[in-house]
Amino acid sequence: MNQTFTVTGMTCGHCEKAVTRAIQQVDPQAEVQIDRAQNLVQVESAQPRETLARAIAEEGYAVAA
């Protein structure tokens, strides 16, 4: 299932890697695409939206509802 999150606080490539790593810890098969300029994170994953959002938030990034 393709899910899109609005994530603020990503300012560099390290931030993108941290978000990608957090998502892939809950779903190693997840495909992650990040558009930092638009604050968008697109995730192809079977995991529930809440689980993915929590993983991003635990890395210290704000996830809009």
C-alpha atoms as a PDB file:
ATOM      1  CA  MET A   1       0.000   0.000   0.000  1.00  0.00           C
ATOM      2  CA  ASN A   2       1.369   3.406  -0.976  1.00  0.00           C
ATOM      3  CA  GLN A   3       1.227   5.965   1.817  1.00  0.00           C
ATOM      4  CA  THR A   4       2.298   9.603   1.829  1.00  0.00           C
ATOM      5  CA  PHE A   5       3.385  11.490   4.938  1.00  0.00           C
ATOM      6  CA  THR A   6       4.103  15.178   5.420  1.00  0.00           C
ATOM      7  CA  VAL A   7       7.257  15.242   7.546  1.00  0.00           C
ATOM      8  CA  THR A   8       8.869  18.442   8.767  1.00  0.00           C
ATOM      9  CA  GLY A   9      12.342  18.877  10.178  1.00  0.00           C
ATOM     10  CA  MET A  10      14.295  17.089   7.455  1.00  0.00           C
ATOM     11  CA  THR A  11      17.102  19.458   6.461  1.00  0.00           C
ATOM     12  CA  CYS A  12      19.796  17.259   4.926  1.00  0.00           C
ATOM     13  CA  GLY A  13      20.703  13.905   3.450  1.00  0.00           C
ATOM     14  CA  HIS A  14      21.400  12.530   6.925  1.00  0.00           C
ATOM     15  CA  CYS A  15      17.806  13.331   7.892  1.00  0.00           C
ATOM     16  CA  GLU A  16      16.539  11.452   4.843  1.00  0.00           C
ATOM     17  CA  LYS A  17      18.651   8.423   5.751  1.00  0.00           C
ATOM     18  CA  ALA A  18      17.423   8.526   9.355  1.00  0.00           C
ATOM     19  CA  VAL A  19      13.774   8.556   8.240  1.00  0.00           C
ATOM     20  CA  THR A  20      14.387   5.789   5.696  1.00  0.00           C
ATOM     21  CA  ARG A  21      16.199   3.666   8.282  1.00  0.00           C
ATOM     22  CA  ALA A  22      13.402   4.177  10.848  1.00  0.00           C
ATOM     23  CA  ILE A  23      10.772   3.029   8.361  1.00  0.00           C
ATOM     24  CA  GLN A  24      12.819   0.046   7.237  1.00  0.00           C
ATOM     25  CA  GLN A  25      13.309  -1.066  10.846  1.00  0.00           C
ATOM     26  CA  VAL A  26       9.555  -1.692  11.108  1.00  0.00           C
ATOM     27  CA  ASP A  27       9.308  -2.982   7.519  1.00  0.00           C
ATOM     28  CA  PRO A  28      12.588  -4.102   5.909  1.00  0.00           C
ATOM     29  CA  GLN A  29      10.790  -4.507   2.564  1.00  0.00           C
ATOM     30  CA  ALA A  30       9.447  -0.936   2.530  1.00  0.00           C
ATOM     31  CA  GLU A  31      10.268   1.258  -0.445  1.00  0.00           C
ATOM     32  CA  VAL A  32      10.860   4.850   0.634  1.00  0.00           C
ATOM     33  CA  GLN A  33      11.002   7.969  -1.535  1.00  0.00           C
ATOM     34  CA  ILE A  34      11.654  11.357   0.030  1.00  0.00           C
ATOM     35  CA  ASP A  35      11.082  14.813  -1.446  1.00  0.00           C
ATOM     36  CA  ARG A  36      12.735  16.975   1.189  1.00  0.00           C
ATOM     37  CA  ALA A  37      11.844  20.243  -0.597  1.00  0.00           C
ATOM     38  CA  GLN A  38       8.140  19.357  -0.352  1.00  0.00           C
ATOM     39  CA  ASN A  39       8.434  17.674   3.088  1.00  0.00           C
ATOM     40  CA  LEU A  40       6.955  14.501   1.589  1.00  0.00           C
ATOM     41  CA  VAL A  41       7.791  10.913   2.410  1.00  0.00           C
ATOM     42  CA  GLN A  42       6.205   8.239   0.217  1.00  0.00           C
ATOM     43  CA  VAL A  43       6.251   4.713   1.549  1.00  0.00           C
ATOM     44  CA  GLU A  44       5.253   1.481  -0.143  1.00  0.00           C
ATOM     45  CA  SER A  45       4.539  -0.813   2.794  1.00  0.00           C
ATOM     46  CA  ALA A  46       1.958  -3.202   4.184  1.00  0.00           C
ATOM     47  CA  GLN A  47       2.496  -1.804   7.693  1.00  0.00           C
ATOM     48  CA  PRO A  48      -0.301   0.297   9.236  1.00  0.00           C
ATOM     49  CA  ARG A  49       0.020   4.058   8.754  1.00  0.00           C
ATOM     50  CA  GLU A  50       0.202   4.619  12.527  1.00  0.00           C
ATOM     51  CA  THR A  51       3.174   2.262  12.862  1.00  0.00           C
ATOM     52  CA  LEU A  52       5.123   4.055  10.139  1.00  0.00           C
ATOM     53  CA  ALA A  53       4.244   7.512  11.490  1.00  0.00           C
ATOM     54  CA  ARG A  54       5.357   6.479  14.986  1.00  0.00           C
ATOM     55  CA  ALA A  55       8.689   5.220  13.619  1.00  0.00           C
ATOM     56  CA  ILE A  56       9.302   8.571  11.890  1.00  0.00           C
ATOM     57  CA  ALA A  57       8.273  10.540  14.996  1.00  0.00           C
ATOM     58  CA  GLU A  58      10.575   8.460  17.209  1.00  0.00           C
ATOM     59  CA  GLU A  59      13.475   9.669  15.043  1.00  0.00           C
ATOM     60  CA  GLY A  60      12.550  13.228  16.060  1.00  0.00           C
ATOM     61  CA  TYR A  61      10.627  14.427  13.009  1.00  0.00           C
ATOM     62  CA  ALA A  62       7.129  15.925  13.042  1.00  0.00           C
ATOM     63  CA  VAL A  63       4.539  13.956  11.079  1.00  0.00           C
ATOM     64  CA  ALA A  64       1.426  15.904  10.059  1.00  0.00           C
ATOM     65  CA  ALA A  65      -1.895  14.100  10.447  1.00  0.00           C
END
